[in-house]
Amino acid sequence: MQTFVKSSLYKITKKTVTSKSVLKLNSVAGGGFAISILAQ
């Protein structure tokens, strides 16, 4: 897993997942997240 912190406002994390992977995402009120899943 690689994590890149561009600023204190957001974080970019890249990881390899499979059909059995479970992603735990934290979201707070007024916040959110974006996710992209790409085939290799």
N, C-alpha and C. Protein backbone atom coordinates (compact mmCIF):
# COMPACT_ATOMS: atom_id res chain seq x y z
N MET A 1 0.84 -1.18 0.00
CA MET A 1 0.00 0.00 0.00
C MET A 1 0.88 1.23 0.00
N GLN A 2 0.53 2.20 -0.84
CA GLN A 2 1.25 3.47 -0.89
C GLN A 2 0.29 4.58 -0.49
N THR A 3 0.76 5.50 0.32
CA THR A 3 -0.05 6.65 0.70
C THR A 3 0.71 7.92 0.38
N PHE A 4 0.05 8.83 -0.30
CA PHE A 4 0.65 10.10 -0.67
C PHE A 4 -0.17 11.22 -0.04
N VAL A 5 0.45 12.05 0.76
CA VAL A 5 -0.26 13.18 1.38
C VAL A 5 0.11 14.43 0.59
N LYS A 6 -0.87 14.97 -0.13
CA LYS A 6 -0.65 16.17 -0.94
C LYS A 6 -0.78 17.44 -0.10
N SER A 7 -1.69 17.44 0.83
CA SER A 7 -1.88 18.57 1.74
C SER A 7 -2.65 18.05 2.95
N SER A 8 -2.97 18.93 3.86
CA SER A 8 -3.74 18.50 5.01
C SER A 8 -5.22 18.30 4.65
N LEU A 9 -5.60 18.64 3.41
CA LEU A 9 -7.00 18.55 3.01
C LEU A 9 -7.39 17.19 2.45
N TYR A 10 -6.45 16.47 1.87
CA TYR A 10 -6.80 15.17 1.31
C TYR A 10 -5.60 14.24 1.29
N LYS A 11 -5.89 12.96 1.12
CA LYS A 11 -4.86 11.93 1.10
C LYS A 11 -5.16 10.99 -0.05
N ILE A 12 -4.15 10.60 -0.81
CA ILE A 12 -4.29 9.64 -1.90
C ILE A 12 -3.64 8.34 -1.47
N THR A 13 -4.42 7.26 -1.51
CA THR A 13 -3.90 5.94 -1.15
C THR A 13 -4.12 5.00 -2.32
N LYS A 14 -3.08 4.27 -2.70
CA LYS A 14 -3.18 3.28 -3.77
C LYS A 14 -2.95 1.90 -3.18
N LYS A 15 -3.84 0.95 -3.51
CA LYS A 15 -3.65 -0.42 -3.04
C LYS A 15 -4.22 -1.38 -4.07
N THR A 16 -3.69 -2.57 -4.06
CA THR A 16 -4.18 -3.63 -4.93
C THR A 16 -5.28 -4.38 -4.18
N VAL A 17 -6.40 -4.59 -4.85
CA VAL A 17 -7.53 -5.28 -4.23
C VAL A 17 -7.95 -6.46 -5.11
N THR A 18 -8.68 -7.38 -4.50
CA THR A 18 -9.24 -8.52 -5.20
C THR A 18 -10.75 -8.52 -4.98
N SER A 19 -11.43 -9.50 -5.54
CA SER A 19 -12.88 -9.60 -5.35
C SER A 19 -13.24 -9.91 -3.90
N LYS A 20 -12.26 -10.34 -3.11
CA LYS A 20 -12.51 -10.66 -1.70
C LYS A 20 -12.05 -9.55 -0.75
N SER A 21 -11.51 -8.48 -1.28
CA SER A 21 -11.04 -7.37 -0.44
C SER A 21 -12.21 -6.62 0.17
N VAL A 22 -12.01 -6.11 1.38
CA VAL A 22 -12.99 -5.27 2.06
C VAL A 22 -12.30 -3.95 2.35
N LEU A 23 -12.89 -2.86 1.89
CA LEU A 23 -12.32 -1.53 2.09
C LEU A 23 -13.07 -0.84 3.22
N LYS A 24 -12.35 -0.39 4.23
CA LYS A 24 -12.95 0.37 5.33
C LYS A 24 -12.68 1.84 5.07
N LEU A 25 -13.75 2.60 4.84
CA LEU A 25 -13.63 4.02 4.52
C LEU A 25 -14.27 4.84 5.62
N ASN A 26 -13.56 5.83 6.11
CA ASN A 26 -14.08 6.72 7.13
C ASN A 26 -14.58 8.00 6.47
N SER A 27 -15.77 8.43 6.85
CA SER A 27 -16.33 9.66 6.33
C SER A 27 -16.96 10.42 7.50
N VAL A 28 -16.79 11.73 7.52
CA VAL A 28 -17.35 12.55 8.58
C VAL A 28 -18.39 13.50 7.99
N ALA A 29 -19.23 14.04 8.84
CA ALA A 29 -20.25 14.98 8.40
C ALA A 29 -19.59 16.15 7.68
N GLY A 30 -20.11 16.49 6.52
CA GLY A 30 -19.55 17.58 5.73
C GLY A 30 -18.32 17.19 4.93
N GLY A 31 -17.90 15.95 5.06
CA GLY A 31 -16.72 15.46 4.33
C GLY A 31 -17.15 14.47 3.27
N GLY A 32 -16.26 13.60 2.92
CA GLY A 32 -16.59 12.59 1.94
C GLY A 32 -15.35 11.92 1.41
N PHE A 33 -15.51 11.14 0.37
CA PHE A 33 -14.38 10.47 -0.24
C PHE A 33 -14.69 10.20 -1.70
N ALA A 34 -13.66 9.97 -2.46
CA ALA A 34 -13.78 9.57 -3.86
C ALA A 34 -12.98 8.28 -4.01
N ILE A 35 -13.46 7.38 -4.85
CA ILE A 35 -12.76 6.11 -5.03
C ILE A 35 -12.77 5.75 -6.52
N SER A 36 -11.67 5.23 -6.99
CA SER A 36 -11.56 4.70 -8.35
C SER A 36 -11.03 3.29 -8.25
N ILE A 37 -11.68 2.35 -8.93
CA ILE A 37 -11.20 0.97 -8.99
C ILE A 37 -10.94 0.66 -10.45
N LEU A 38 -9.68 0.36 -10.77
CA LEU A 38 -9.27 0.13 -12.15
C LEU A 38 -8.78 -1.29 -12.32
N ALA A 39 -9.14 -1.92 -13.43
CA ALA A 39 -8.64 -3.27 -13.74
C ALA A 39 -7.19 -3.17 -14.21
N GLN A 40 -6.40 -4.18 -13.85
CA GLN A 40 -5.00 -4.18 -14.27
C GLN A 40 -4.86 -4.92 -15.58
